[in-house]
Amino acid sequence: MPSDNQLIFADHAVTGAVKLLESYGTARRTRAAGERMDRVSLDPAGRQPQNFDSAIHKGHAALFREGLALLADAPRERRAPLEEMAALAEFLADRLPKLVDEWHAHRDTLRASGRLPSPGA
């Protein structure tokens, strides 16, 4: 049986997870008048992944490239981490919009087949 500390930790972990999901726009917390506990509902339609915006990754790549310009005369091993981060950011900026499109097509197929409910259903 868990101790009181473990229960408190679990409660804090759930609260933290709900706060994180709220910040993503994926979860909503409500409380009816007179209730002492929150009700949490998930909203997949509101789930637009934060890091799927290619502009974010383009900005990161530009920032990494600025850092590399400042290290133009530095040894290769010092520049290597920034080179890799710039390459990753550029890769994500290129691939994520395509991945989002693929997801939307896949989701629509699942909805059409009845394997996923349609919005509002």
N, C-alpha and C. Protein backbone atom coordinates (compact mmCIF):
# COMPACT_ATOMS: atom_id res chain seq x y z
N MET A 1 0.85 -1.18 0.00
CA MET A 1 0.00 0.00 0.00
C MET A 1 0.89 1.24 0.00
N PRO A 2 0.59 2.23 -0.86
CA PRO A 2 1.44 3.42 -0.91
C PRO A 2 1.31 4.27 0.35
N SER A 3 2.38 4.93 0.67
CA SER A 3 2.34 5.82 1.83
C SER A 3 1.64 7.12 1.44
N ASP A 4 1.37 7.95 2.44
CA ASP A 4 0.73 9.24 2.18
C ASP A 4 1.57 10.09 1.25
N ASN A 5 2.91 10.02 1.40
CA ASN A 5 3.79 10.79 0.53
C ASN A 5 3.66 10.36 -0.92
N GLN A 6 3.51 9.06 -1.15
CA GLN A 6 3.35 8.58 -2.52
C GLN A 6 2.04 9.07 -3.12
N LEU A 7 1.00 9.10 -2.33
CA LEU A 7 -0.29 9.59 -2.82
C LEU A 7 -0.20 11.07 -3.16
N ILE A 8 0.47 11.82 -2.31
CA ILE A 8 0.62 13.25 -2.56
C ILE A 8 1.44 13.45 -3.83
N PHE A 9 2.50 12.67 -3.99
CA PHE A 9 3.32 12.78 -5.19
C PHE A 9 2.49 12.49 -6.44
N ALA A 10 1.69 11.43 -6.36
CA ALA A 10 0.86 11.07 -7.51
C ALA A 10 -0.11 12.19 -7.82
N ASP A 11 -0.70 12.79 -6.79
CA ASP A 11 -1.63 13.89 -7.00
C ASP A 11 -0.93 15.07 -7.69
N HIS A 12 0.28 15.39 -7.24
CA HIS A 12 1.05 16.49 -7.84
C HIS A 12 1.42 16.14 -9.29
N ALA A 13 1.74 14.88 -9.55
CA ALA A 13 2.10 14.46 -10.90
C ALA A 13 0.90 14.62 -11.84
N VAL A 14 -0.27 14.24 -11.37
CA VAL A 14 -1.49 14.38 -12.19
C VAL A 14 -1.78 15.85 -12.43
N THR A 15 -1.69 16.65 -11.37
CA THR A 15 -1.93 18.08 -11.51
C THR A 15 -0.96 18.70 -12.51
N GLY A 16 0.31 18.32 -12.41
CA GLY A 16 1.31 18.84 -13.35
C GLY A 16 1.02 18.41 -14.78
N ALA A 17 0.60 17.16 -14.95
CA ALA A 17 0.29 16.66 -16.29
C ALA A 17 -0.91 17.41 -16.87
N VAL A 18 -1.92 17.65 -16.04
CA VAL A 18 -3.11 18.38 -16.52
C VAL A 18 -2.72 19.81 -16.90
N LYS A 19 -1.90 20.45 -16.09
CA LYS A 19 -1.45 21.81 -16.41
C LYS A 19 -0.71 21.84 -17.74
N LEU A 20 0.14 20.86 -17.96
CA LEU A 20 0.89 20.78 -19.22
C LEU A 20 -0.08 20.61 -20.40
N LEU A 21 -1.02 19.69 -20.26
CA LEU A 21 -2.00 19.47 -21.33
C LEU A 21 -2.85 20.71 -21.56
N GLU A 22 -3.18 21.45 -20.50
CA GLU A 22 -3.92 22.71 -20.66
C GLU A 22 -3.09 23.72 -21.46
N SER A 23 -1.80 23.78 -21.17
CA SER A 23 -0.95 24.74 -21.89
C SER A 23 -0.86 24.42 -23.37
N TYR A 24 -1.05 23.14 -23.74
CA TYR A 24 -1.06 22.72 -25.14
C TYR A 24 -2.42 22.93 -25.79
N GLY A 25 -3.44 23.26 -24.98
CA GLY A 25 -4.78 23.40 -25.51
C GLY A 25 -5.47 22.06 -25.73
N THR A 26 -4.94 21.02 -25.13
CA THR A 26 -5.47 19.67 -25.31
C THR A 26 -6.47 19.31 -24.23
N ALA A 27 -6.32 19.87 -23.05
CA ALA A 27 -7.21 19.54 -21.93
C ALA A 27 -7.85 20.82 -21.42
N ARG A 28 -9.02 20.63 -20.85
CA ARG A 28 -9.75 21.75 -20.26
C ARG A 28 -10.23 21.30 -18.88
N ARG A 29 -10.04 22.16 -17.90
CA ARG A 29 -10.45 21.86 -16.53
C ARG A 29 -11.68 22.70 -16.20
N THR A 30 -12.71 22.05 -15.68
CA THR A 30 -13.93 22.77 -15.26
C THR A 30 -14.33 22.27 -13.88
N ARG A 31 -15.18 23.05 -13.24
CA ARG A 31 -15.69 22.67 -11.94
C ARG A 31 -17.11 23.19 -11.84
N ALA A 32 -18.03 22.28 -11.53
CA ALA A 32 -19.43 22.68 -11.37
C ALA A 32 -19.59 23.38 -10.02
N ALA A 33 -20.57 24.26 -9.93
CA ALA A 33 -20.83 24.99 -8.69
C ALA A 33 -21.02 24.00 -7.54
N GLY A 34 -20.32 24.25 -6.46
CA GLY A 34 -20.44 23.42 -5.28
C GLY A 34 -19.53 22.20 -5.26
N GLU A 35 -18.90 21.87 -6.39
CA GLU A 35 -17.99 20.72 -6.41
C GLU A 35 -16.62 21.12 -5.88
N ARG A 36 -15.94 20.15 -5.32
CA ARG A 36 -14.61 20.40 -4.78
C ARG A 36 -13.51 19.85 -5.67
N MET A 37 -13.87 19.14 -6.71
CA MET A 37 -12.84 18.59 -7.58
C MET A 37 -13.06 19.08 -9.01
N ASP A 38 -11.96 19.11 -9.74
CA ASP A 38 -12.02 19.53 -11.14
C ASP A 38 -12.41 18.36 -12.02
N ARG A 39 -13.07 18.69 -13.10
CA ARG A 39 -13.34 17.72 -14.15
C ARG A 39 -12.40 18.09 -15.30
N VAL A 40 -11.74 17.09 -15.84
CA VAL A 40 -10.80 17.33 -16.92
C VAL A 40 -11.33 16.64 -18.17
N SER A 41 -11.41 17.42 -19.25
CA SER A 41 -11.84 16.83 -20.51
C SER A 41 -10.76 17.07 -21.55
N LEU A 42 -10.63 16.12 -22.45
CA LEU A 42 -9.63 16.22 -23.52
C LEU A 42 -10.31 16.69 -24.78
N ASP A 43 -9.58 17.47 -25.56
CA ASP A 43 -10.12 18.00 -26.80
C ASP A 43 -9.13 17.74 -27.93
N PRO A 44 -9.22 16.56 -28.59
CA PRO A 44 -8.28 16.26 -29.68
C PRO A 44 -8.36 17.29 -30.81
N ALA A 45 -9.53 17.87 -31.02
CA ALA A 45 -9.66 18.88 -32.10
C ALA A 45 -8.82 20.11 -31.78
N GLY A 46 -8.65 20.40 -30.48
CA GLY A 46 -7.84 21.54 -30.08
C GLY A 46 -6.37 21.21 -30.05
N ARG A 47 -6.05 19.99 -30.36
CA ARG A 47 -4.66 19.54 -30.28
C ARG A 47 -3.93 19.87 -31.56
N GLN A 48 -3.36 21.03 -31.61
CA GLN A 48 -2.46 21.38 -32.70
C GLN A 48 -1.07 21.36 -32.10
N PRO A 49 -0.30 20.32 -32.38
CA PRO A 49 0.99 20.19 -31.72
C PRO A 49 1.84 21.45 -31.86
N GLN A 50 2.32 21.91 -30.73
CA GLN A 50 3.10 23.14 -30.67
C GLN A 50 4.35 23.09 -31.55
N ASN A 51 5.03 21.98 -31.51
CA ASN A 51 6.30 21.89 -32.22
C ASN A 51 6.16 21.45 -33.67
N PHE A 52 4.93 21.38 -34.18
CA PHE A 52 4.73 21.02 -35.57
C PHE A 52 4.73 22.26 -36.46
N ASP A 53 4.88 23.42 -35.90
CA ASP A 53 4.91 24.66 -36.67
C ASP A 53 6.32 24.83 -37.25
N SER A 54 6.44 24.74 -38.57
CA SER A 54 7.77 24.79 -39.17
C SER A 54 8.47 26.13 -38.94
N ALA A 55 7.70 27.19 -38.72
CA ALA A 55 8.31 28.50 -38.47
C ALA A 55 9.16 28.48 -37.21
N ILE A 56 8.74 27.73 -36.21
CA ILE A 56 9.52 27.61 -34.97
C ILE A 56 10.89 27.01 -35.29
N HIS A 57 10.89 25.95 -36.08
CA HIS A 57 12.14 25.27 -36.39
C HIS A 57 13.01 26.09 -37.34
N LYS A 58 12.38 26.83 -38.24
CA LYS A 58 13.16 27.74 -39.11
C LYS A 58 13.85 28.80 -38.26
N GLY A 59 13.14 29.30 -37.26
CA GLY A 59 13.74 30.29 -36.35
C GLY A 59 14.89 29.70 -35.56
N HIS A 60 14.70 28.48 -35.09
CA HIS A 60 15.79 27.81 -34.35
C HIS A 60 17.01 27.62 -35.26
N ALA A 61 16.77 27.19 -36.49
CA ALA A 61 17.89 26.98 -37.42
C ALA A 61 18.64 28.28 -37.65
N ALA A 62 17.91 29.37 -37.83
CA ALA A 62 18.55 30.67 -38.04
C ALA A 62 19.39 31.06 -36.83
N LEU A 63 18.86 30.80 -35.65
CA LEU A 63 19.59 31.12 -34.42
C LEU A 63 20.86 30.28 -34.32
N PHE A 64 20.74 28.99 -34.63
CA PHE A 64 21.93 28.13 -34.59
C PHE A 64 22.96 28.59 -35.63
N ARG A 65 22.50 28.99 -36.80
CA ARG A 65 23.42 29.46 -37.84
C ARG A 65 24.11 30.75 -37.41
N GLU A 66 23.40 31.62 -36.67
CA GLU A 66 24.04 32.83 -36.13
C GLU A 66 25.16 32.45 -35.16
N GLY A 67 24.86 31.46 -34.32
CA GLY A 67 25.89 30.98 -33.39
C GLY A 67 27.09 30.43 -34.12
N LEU A 68 26.83 29.71 -35.21
CA LEU A 68 27.94 29.16 -36.00
C LEU A 68 28.76 30.27 -36.64
N ALA A 69 28.11 31.35 -37.05
CA ALA A 69 28.84 32.47 -37.63
C ALA A 69 29.79 33.08 -36.60
N LEU A 70 29.34 33.11 -35.35
CA LEU A 70 30.19 33.65 -34.29
C LEU A 70 31.36 32.73 -33.99
N LEU A 71 31.19 31.45 -34.31
CA LEU A 71 32.25 30.46 -34.08
C LEU A 71 32.98 30.08 -35.37
N ALA A 72 32.98 30.97 -36.33
CA ALA A 72 33.55 30.66 -37.65
C ALA A 72 35.00 30.19 -37.57
N ASP A 73 35.75 30.74 -36.65
CA ASP A 73 37.17 30.38 -36.53
C ASP A 73 37.42 29.30 -35.47
N ALA A 74 36.35 28.79 -34.86
CA ALA A 74 36.50 27.79 -33.80
C ALA A 74 36.80 26.43 -34.41
N PRO A 75 37.42 25.55 -33.63
CA PRO A 75 37.68 24.19 -34.11
C PRO A 75 36.37 23.47 -34.42
N ARG A 76 36.46 22.54 -35.36
CA ARG A 76 35.28 21.79 -35.81
C ARG A 76 34.53 21.11 -34.67
N GLU A 77 35.28 20.54 -33.72
CA GLU A 77 34.61 19.84 -32.61
C GLU A 77 33.80 20.80 -31.73
N ARG A 78 34.20 22.06 -31.68
CA ARG A 78 33.43 23.05 -30.92
C ARG A 78 32.17 23.45 -31.68
N ARG A 79 32.25 23.47 -33.01
CA ARG A 79 31.12 23.86 -33.85
C ARG A 79 30.13 22.69 -34.06
N ALA A 80 30.59 21.47 -33.87
CA ALA A 80 29.80 20.28 -34.21
C ALA A 80 28.41 20.24 -33.58
N PRO A 81 28.26 20.52 -32.28
CA PRO A 81 26.92 20.46 -31.71
C PRO A 81 25.94 21.45 -32.36
N LEU A 82 26.42 22.66 -32.64
CA LEU A 82 25.55 23.65 -33.30
C LEU A 82 25.24 23.25 -34.74
N GLU A 83 26.21 22.68 -35.42
CA GLU A 83 25.98 22.19 -36.79
C GLU A 83 24.85 21.16 -36.79
N GLU A 84 24.93 20.23 -35.85
CA GLU A 84 23.91 19.18 -35.79
C GLU A 84 22.54 19.76 -35.42
N MET A 85 22.51 20.68 -34.47
CA MET A 85 21.23 21.28 -34.09
C MET A 85 20.63 22.08 -35.25
N ALA A 86 21.46 22.78 -36.00
CA ALA A 86 20.97 23.52 -37.17
C ALA A 86 20.41 22.56 -38.21
N ALA A 87 21.13 21.46 -38.45
CA ALA A 87 20.67 20.47 -39.43
C ALA A 87 19.35 19.84 -38.99
N LEU A 88 19.23 19.53 -37.69
CA LEU A 88 17.98 18.96 -37.18
C LEU A 88 16.83 19.95 -37.33
N ALA A 89 17.05 21.19 -36.97
CA ALA A 89 16.00 22.21 -37.08
C ALA A 89 15.56 22.37 -38.54
N GLU A 90 16.51 22.37 -39.45
CA GLU A 90 16.16 22.49 -40.88
C GLU A 90 15.40 21.26 -41.36
N PHE A 91 15.80 20.09 -40.90
CA PHE A 91 15.10 18.86 -41.25
C PHE A 91 13.66 18.90 -40.75
N LEU A 92 13.48 19.30 -39.49
CA LEU A 92 12.14 19.37 -38.93
C LEU A 92 11.28 20.41 -39.64
N ALA A 93 11.86 21.55 -39.95
CA ALA A 93 11.12 22.59 -40.67
C ALA A 93 10.62 22.08 -42.02
N ASP A 94 11.41 21.22 -42.65
CA ASP A 94 11.03 20.66 -43.94
C ASP A 94 10.01 19.53 -43.81
N ARG A 95 10.21 18.64 -42.86
CA ARG A 95 9.40 17.41 -42.78
C ARG A 95 8.08 17.56 -42.02
N LEU A 96 8.04 18.39 -40.99
CA LEU A 96 6.85 18.42 -40.14
C LEU A 96 5.58 18.86 -40.86
N PRO A 97 5.61 19.84 -41.73
CA PRO A 97 4.37 20.18 -42.44
C PRO A 97 3.82 19.00 -43.25
N LYS A 98 4.72 18.24 -43.84
CA LYS A 98 4.30 17.05 -44.60
C LYS A 98 3.72 16.01 -43.65
N LEU A 99 4.33 15.84 -42.49
CA LEU A 99 3.85 14.88 -41.51
C LEU A 99 2.46 15.26 -40.99
N VAL A 100 2.24 16.53 -40.76
CA VAL A 100 0.91 16.99 -40.31
C VAL A 100 -0.13 16.69 -41.39
N ASP A 101 0.22 16.96 -42.64
CA ASP A 101 -0.71 16.64 -43.73
C ASP A 101 -1.01 15.15 -43.78
N GLU A 102 0.02 14.32 -43.61
CA GLU A 102 -0.18 12.87 -43.59
C GLU A 102 -1.08 12.46 -42.44
N TRP A 103 -0.87 13.07 -41.27
CA TRP A 103 -1.71 12.75 -40.12
C TRP A 103 -3.17 13.11 -40.40
N HIS A 104 -3.42 14.29 -40.92
CA HIS A 104 -4.80 14.71 -41.20
C HIS A 104 -5.47 13.75 -42.19
N ALA A 105 -4.74 13.31 -43.21
CA ALA A 105 -5.30 12.36 -44.17
C ALA A 105 -5.59 11.03 -43.48
N HIS A 106 -4.66 10.57 -42.66
CA HIS A 106 -4.84 9.31 -41.93
C HIS A 106 -6.03 9.40 -40.97
N ARG A 107 -6.10 10.51 -40.23
CA ARG A 107 -7.21 10.72 -39.30
C ARG A 107 -8.55 10.73 -40.03
N ASP A 108 -8.60 11.40 -41.19
CA ASP A 108 -9.84 11.44 -41.97
C ASP A 108 -10.24 10.05 -42.44
N THR A 109 -9.26 9.23 -42.82
CA THR A 109 -9.54 7.84 -43.21
C THR A 109 -10.10 7.05 -42.03
N LEU A 110 -9.49 7.23 -40.86
CA LEU A 110 -9.98 6.54 -39.66
C LEU A 110 -11.40 6.98 -39.31
N ARG A 111 -11.68 8.26 -39.44
CA ARG A 111 -13.03 8.75 -39.16
C ARG A 111 -14.04 8.19 -40.16
N ALA A 112 -13.65 8.18 -41.43
CA ALA A 112 -14.55 7.68 -42.47
C ALA A 112 -14.87 6.21 -42.27
N SER A 113 -13.91 5.46 -41.73
CA SER A 113 -14.12 4.02 -41.52
C SER A 113 -14.86 3.74 -40.20
N GLY A 114 -15.02 4.76 -39.38
CA GLY A 114 -15.70 4.58 -38.10
C GLY A 114 -14.75 4.18 -36.99
N ARG A 115 -13.46 4.04 -37.28
CA ARG A 115 -12.50 3.65 -36.24
C ARG A 115 -12.18 4.82 -35.29
N LEU A 116 -12.43 6.03 -35.74
CA LEU A 116 -12.32 7.22 -34.89
C LEU A 116 -13.64 7.97 -35.00
N PRO A 117 -14.13 8.52 -33.90
CA PRO A 117 -15.36 9.29 -33.99
C PRO A 117 -15.11 10.63 -34.69
N SER A 118 -16.14 11.12 -35.36
CA SER A 118 -16.06 12.43 -35.99
C SER A 118 -16.16 13.50 -34.91
N PRO A 119 -15.65 14.70 -35.18
CA PRO A 119 -15.73 15.77 -34.18
C PRO A 119 -17.18 16.01 -33.78
N GLY A 120 -17.39 16.21 -32.51
CA GLY A 120 -18.73 16.48 -32.00
C GLY A 120 -19.58 15.25 -31.82
N ALA A 121 -19.04 14.06 -32.17
CA ALA A 121 -19.84 12.83 -32.05
C ALA A 121 -19.80 12.28 -30.66
